[in-house]
């Protein structure tokens, strides 16, 4: 984990504390695992950094190998929601 404190960020039109999180993994992400990871990450962020889960943007990047990238899954308010299409 790499935390950059005191950054100028806006989320939903507010400058209250917020976070943008990106998690990538080779072979250990997927629809069911993402639900578990998202829930744990959101709880951790709120408990240890004081950032409400409605102010966190989480992107889970699924890779099968170093060179194979699958669509990213977005998570908001502590829940895995949708996938972003790949763009090159």
N, C-alpha and C. Protein backbone atom coordinates (compact mmCIF):
# COMPACT_ATOMS: atom_id res chain seq x y z
N UNK A 1 0.84 -1.16 0.00
CA UNK A 1 0.00 0.00 0.00
C UNK A 1 0.89 1.23 0.00
N UNK A 2 0.52 2.19 -0.79
CA UNK A 2 1.24 3.46 -0.88
C UNK A 2 0.23 4.58 -0.65
N UNK A 3 0.39 5.32 0.41
CA UNK A 3 -0.52 6.40 0.76
C UNK A 3 0.16 7.74 0.51
N UNK A 4 -0.52 8.61 -0.21
CA UNK A 4 -0.03 9.97 -0.46
C UNK A 4 -0.94 10.94 0.27
N UNK A 5 -0.57 11.33 1.48
CA UNK A 5 -1.43 12.23 2.24
C UNK A 5 -1.39 13.67 1.71
N UNK A 6 -2.36 14.46 2.12
CA UNK A 6 -2.42 15.89 1.83
C UNK A 6 -2.48 16.21 0.34
N UNK A 7 -3.12 15.33 -0.45
CA UNK A 7 -3.30 15.59 -1.87
C UNK A 7 -4.56 16.42 -2.07
N UNK A 8 -4.56 17.28 -3.07
CA UNK A 8 -5.76 18.04 -3.41
C UNK A 8 -6.65 17.15 -4.27
N UNK A 9 -7.77 16.70 -3.70
CA UNK A 9 -8.68 15.81 -4.42
C UNK A 9 -10.11 16.27 -4.19
N UNK A 10 -10.93 16.01 -5.18
CA UNK A 10 -12.36 16.29 -5.08
C UNK A 10 -13.11 15.03 -5.47
N UNK A 11 -14.16 14.72 -4.74
CA UNK A 11 -14.96 13.52 -5.01
C UNK A 11 -16.41 13.91 -4.81
N UNK A 12 -17.21 13.78 -5.84
CA UNK A 12 -18.63 14.14 -5.72
C UNK A 12 -18.86 15.61 -5.43
N UNK A 13 -17.95 16.48 -5.88
CA UNK A 13 -18.09 17.91 -5.68
C UNK A 13 -17.65 18.41 -4.32
N UNK A 14 -17.03 17.54 -3.52
CA UNK A 14 -16.59 17.91 -2.17
C UNK A 14 -15.10 17.63 -2.02
N UNK A 15 -14.44 18.43 -1.21
CA UNK A 15 -13.01 18.21 -0.94
C UNK A 15 -12.79 17.53 0.41
N UNK A 16 -13.84 16.95 0.99
CA UNK A 16 -13.69 16.15 2.21
C UNK A 16 -12.75 14.98 1.91
N UNK A 17 -12.16 14.36 2.93
CA UNK A 17 -11.23 13.25 2.67
C UNK A 17 -11.85 12.19 1.76
N UNK A 18 -11.05 11.76 0.79
CA UNK A 18 -11.49 10.76 -0.18
C UNK A 18 -10.28 9.94 -0.63
N UNK A 19 -10.54 8.89 -1.38
CA UNK A 19 -9.44 8.03 -1.83
C UNK A 19 -9.74 7.45 -3.20
N UNK A 20 -8.69 7.26 -3.96
CA UNK A 20 -8.73 6.53 -5.22
C UNK A 20 -7.76 5.37 -5.05
N UNK A 21 -8.30 4.14 -5.14
CA UNK A 21 -7.51 2.94 -4.87
C UNK A 21 -7.48 2.07 -6.11
N UNK A 22 -6.31 1.56 -6.45
CA UNK A 22 -6.15 0.64 -7.58
C UNK A 22 -5.44 -0.60 -7.07
N UNK A 23 -6.06 -1.76 -7.27
CA UNK A 23 -5.49 -3.04 -6.86
C UNK A 23 -5.39 -3.92 -8.10
N UNK A 24 -4.19 -4.39 -8.38
CA UNK A 24 -4.02 -5.31 -9.50
C UNK A 24 -3.36 -6.58 -9.01
N UNK A 25 -3.72 -7.68 -9.66
CA UNK A 25 -3.20 -8.97 -9.24
C UNK A 25 -3.17 -9.92 -10.43
N UNK A 26 -2.20 -10.80 -10.41
CA UNK A 26 -2.12 -11.85 -11.43
C UNK A 26 -2.79 -13.09 -10.86
N UNK A 27 -3.98 -13.38 -11.32
CA UNK A 27 -4.65 -14.62 -10.98
C UNK A 27 -5.40 -14.69 -9.66
N UNK A 28 -5.43 -13.67 -8.86
CA UNK A 28 -6.14 -13.76 -7.58
C UNK A 28 -7.28 -12.76 -7.47
N UNK A 29 -7.82 -12.32 -8.57
CA UNK A 29 -9.00 -11.46 -8.57
C UNK A 29 -10.07 -12.13 -9.43
N UNK A 30 -11.29 -11.89 -9.13
CA UNK A 30 -12.41 -12.43 -9.90
C UNK A 30 -13.69 -11.96 -9.25
N UNK A 31 -14.81 -12.22 -9.86
CA UNK A 31 -16.08 -11.69 -9.41
C UNK A 31 -16.33 -11.96 -7.92
N UNK A 32 -16.21 -13.20 -7.49
CA UNK A 32 -16.49 -13.52 -6.09
C UNK A 32 -15.40 -13.01 -5.15
N UNK A 33 -14.13 -13.19 -5.53
CA UNK A 33 -13.03 -12.68 -4.70
C UNK A 33 -13.09 -11.17 -4.58
N UNK A 34 -13.46 -10.48 -5.64
CA UNK A 34 -13.52 -9.02 -5.63
C UNK A 34 -14.50 -8.50 -4.58
N UNK A 35 -15.60 -9.20 -4.39
CA UNK A 35 -16.58 -8.79 -3.38
C UNK A 35 -15.94 -8.82 -1.99
N UNK A 36 -15.17 -9.87 -1.73
CA UNK A 36 -14.48 -10.00 -0.44
C UNK A 36 -13.42 -8.93 -0.29
N UNK A 37 -12.58 -8.76 -1.32
CA UNK A 37 -11.51 -7.76 -1.26
C UNK A 37 -12.08 -6.36 -1.09
N UNK A 38 -13.11 -6.03 -1.86
CA UNK A 38 -13.70 -4.69 -1.78
C UNK A 38 -14.20 -4.41 -0.37
N UNK A 39 -14.93 -5.35 0.20
CA UNK A 39 -15.47 -5.15 1.55
C UNK A 39 -14.35 -4.91 2.55
N UNK A 40 -13.28 -5.71 2.48
CA UNK A 40 -12.17 -5.57 3.43
C UNK A 40 -11.41 -4.26 3.22
N UNK A 41 -11.20 -3.87 1.98
CA UNK A 41 -10.48 -2.63 1.69
C UNK A 41 -11.27 -1.42 2.19
N UNK A 42 -12.59 -1.42 1.95
CA UNK A 42 -13.41 -0.29 2.39
C UNK A 42 -13.43 -0.19 3.91
N UNK A 43 -13.53 -1.32 4.60
CA UNK A 43 -13.51 -1.31 6.07
C UNK A 43 -12.16 -0.79 6.57
N UNK A 44 -11.07 -1.26 5.98
CA UNK A 44 -9.73 -0.83 6.37
C UNK A 44 -9.56 0.68 6.17
N UNK A 45 -9.98 1.18 5.02
CA UNK A 45 -9.82 2.61 4.71
C UNK A 45 -10.60 3.48 5.70
N UNK A 46 -11.81 3.04 6.06
CA UNK A 46 -12.60 3.83 6.99
C UNK A 46 -12.03 3.74 8.41
N UNK A 47 -11.65 2.55 8.83
CA UNK A 47 -11.16 2.35 10.19
C UNK A 47 -9.81 3.02 10.43
N UNK A 48 -8.87 2.86 9.50
CA UNK A 48 -7.50 3.33 9.72
C UNK A 48 -7.18 4.70 9.13
N UNK A 49 -7.94 5.11 8.11
CA UNK A 49 -7.66 6.40 7.47
C UNK A 49 -8.82 7.39 7.64
N UNK A 50 -9.95 6.92 8.18
CA UNK A 50 -11.07 7.82 8.43
C UNK A 50 -11.78 8.28 7.18
N UNK A 51 -11.72 7.48 6.11
CA UNK A 51 -12.37 7.85 4.85
C UNK A 51 -13.65 7.03 4.71
N UNK A 52 -14.78 7.71 4.64
CA UNK A 52 -16.08 7.05 4.51
C UNK A 52 -16.14 6.25 3.21
N UNK A 53 -16.82 5.09 3.25
CA UNK A 53 -16.84 4.24 2.06
C UNK A 53 -17.58 4.86 0.88
N UNK A 54 -18.37 5.90 1.11
CA UNK A 54 -19.01 6.57 -0.02
C UNK A 54 -18.10 7.64 -0.64
N UNK A 55 -16.84 7.70 -0.17
CA UNK A 55 -15.86 8.66 -0.70
C UNK A 55 -14.62 7.94 -1.20
N UNK A 56 -14.76 6.65 -1.51
CA UNK A 56 -13.65 5.83 -1.99
C UNK A 56 -14.00 5.27 -3.36
N UNK A 57 -13.09 5.42 -4.30
CA UNK A 57 -13.21 4.83 -5.63
C UNK A 57 -12.17 3.72 -5.69
N UNK A 58 -12.61 2.48 -5.90
CA UNK A 58 -11.72 1.32 -5.93
C UNK A 58 -11.81 0.67 -7.30
N UNK A 59 -10.65 0.47 -7.93
CA UNK A 59 -10.58 -0.21 -9.21
C UNK A 59 -9.74 -1.47 -9.02
N UNK A 60 -10.34 -2.62 -9.36
CA UNK A 60 -9.65 -3.90 -9.28
C UNK A 60 -9.25 -4.31 -10.69
N UNK A 61 -7.96 -4.47 -10.91
CA UNK A 61 -7.44 -4.78 -12.24
C UNK A 61 -7.03 -6.24 -12.28
N UNK A 62 -7.67 -7.00 -13.14
CA UNK A 62 -7.47 -8.44 -13.22
C UNK A 62 -6.48 -8.77 -14.34
N UNK A 63 -5.42 -9.48 -13.97
CA UNK A 63 -4.42 -9.90 -14.96
C UNK A 63 -4.25 -11.42 -14.86
N UNK A 64 -4.20 -12.08 -16.01
CA UNK A 64 -3.89 -13.51 -15.99
C UNK A 64 -2.39 -13.72 -16.04
N UNK A 65 -1.72 -12.90 -16.81
CA UNK A 65 -0.26 -12.92 -16.88
C UNK A 65 0.19 -11.47 -16.92
N UNK A 66 1.46 -11.26 -16.91
CA UNK A 66 2.00 -9.89 -16.97
C UNK A 66 1.47 -9.15 -18.20
N UNK A 67 1.32 -9.85 -19.33
CA UNK A 67 0.93 -9.17 -20.58
C UNK A 67 -0.56 -9.26 -20.89
N UNK A 68 -1.34 -9.97 -20.09
CA UNK A 68 -2.77 -10.12 -20.35
C UNK A 68 -3.56 -9.32 -19.34
N UNK A 69 -4.31 -8.34 -19.82
CA UNK A 69 -5.10 -7.49 -18.94
C UNK A 69 -6.58 -7.70 -19.25
N UNK A 70 -7.37 -7.94 -18.23
CA UNK A 70 -8.81 -8.09 -18.37
C UNK A 70 -9.49 -6.79 -17.96
N UNK A 71 -10.78 -6.66 -18.25
CA UNK A 71 -11.49 -5.45 -17.83
C UNK A 71 -11.35 -5.20 -16.33
N UNK A 72 -11.33 -3.94 -15.96
CA UNK A 72 -11.24 -3.56 -14.55
C UNK A 72 -12.63 -3.58 -13.92
N UNK A 73 -12.69 -3.97 -12.65
CA UNK A 73 -13.96 -3.93 -11.93
C UNK A 73 -13.95 -2.74 -11.00
N UNK A 74 -15.03 -1.99 -11.01
CA UNK A 74 -15.16 -0.81 -10.16
C UNK A 74 -15.93 -1.17 -8.90
N UNK A 75 -15.54 -0.54 -7.81
CA UNK A 75 -16.21 -0.77 -6.53
C UNK A 75 -16.51 0.57 -5.89
N UNK A 76 -17.75 0.75 -5.49
CA UNK A 76 -18.15 1.97 -4.78
C UNK A 76 -19.01 1.59 -3.60
N UNK A 77 -18.95 2.40 -2.56
CA UNK A 77 -19.70 2.19 -1.32
C UNK A 77 -19.54 0.76 -0.79
N UNK A 78 -18.29 0.26 -0.89
CA UNK A 78 -17.98 -1.04 -0.31
C UNK A 78 -18.41 -2.25 -1.11
N UNK A 79 -18.90 -2.05 -2.34
CA UNK A 79 -19.40 -3.17 -3.13
C UNK A 79 -18.80 -3.18 -4.52
N UNK A 80 -18.45 -4.39 -5.00
CA UNK A 80 -18.00 -4.55 -6.38
C UNK A 80 -19.22 -4.37 -7.28
N UNK A 81 -19.08 -3.51 -8.30
CA UNK A 81 -20.26 -3.17 -9.11
C UNK A 81 -20.12 -3.59 -10.57
N UNK A 82 -19.35 -2.89 -11.36
CA UNK A 82 -19.36 -3.12 -12.79
C UNK A 82 -17.95 -3.22 -13.34
N UNK A 83 -17.86 -3.60 -14.60
CA UNK A 83 -16.58 -3.71 -15.27
C UNK A 83 -16.40 -2.60 -16.29
N UNK A 84 -15.18 -2.11 -16.41
CA UNK A 84 -14.84 -1.13 -17.45
C UNK A 84 -14.35 -1.90 -18.67
N UNK A 85 -14.78 -1.51 -19.87
CA UNK A 85 -14.24 -2.15 -21.06
C UNK A 85 -12.78 -1.76 -21.25
N UNK A 86 -12.02 -2.65 -21.87
CA UNK A 86 -10.63 -2.35 -22.17
C UNK A 86 -10.55 -1.36 -23.33
N UNK A 87 -9.65 -0.43 -23.24
CA UNK A 87 -9.39 0.50 -24.33
C UNK A 87 -7.90 0.54 -24.57
N UNK A 88 -7.52 0.48 -25.80
CA UNK A 88 -6.09 0.52 -26.15
C UNK A 88 -5.85 1.66 -27.12
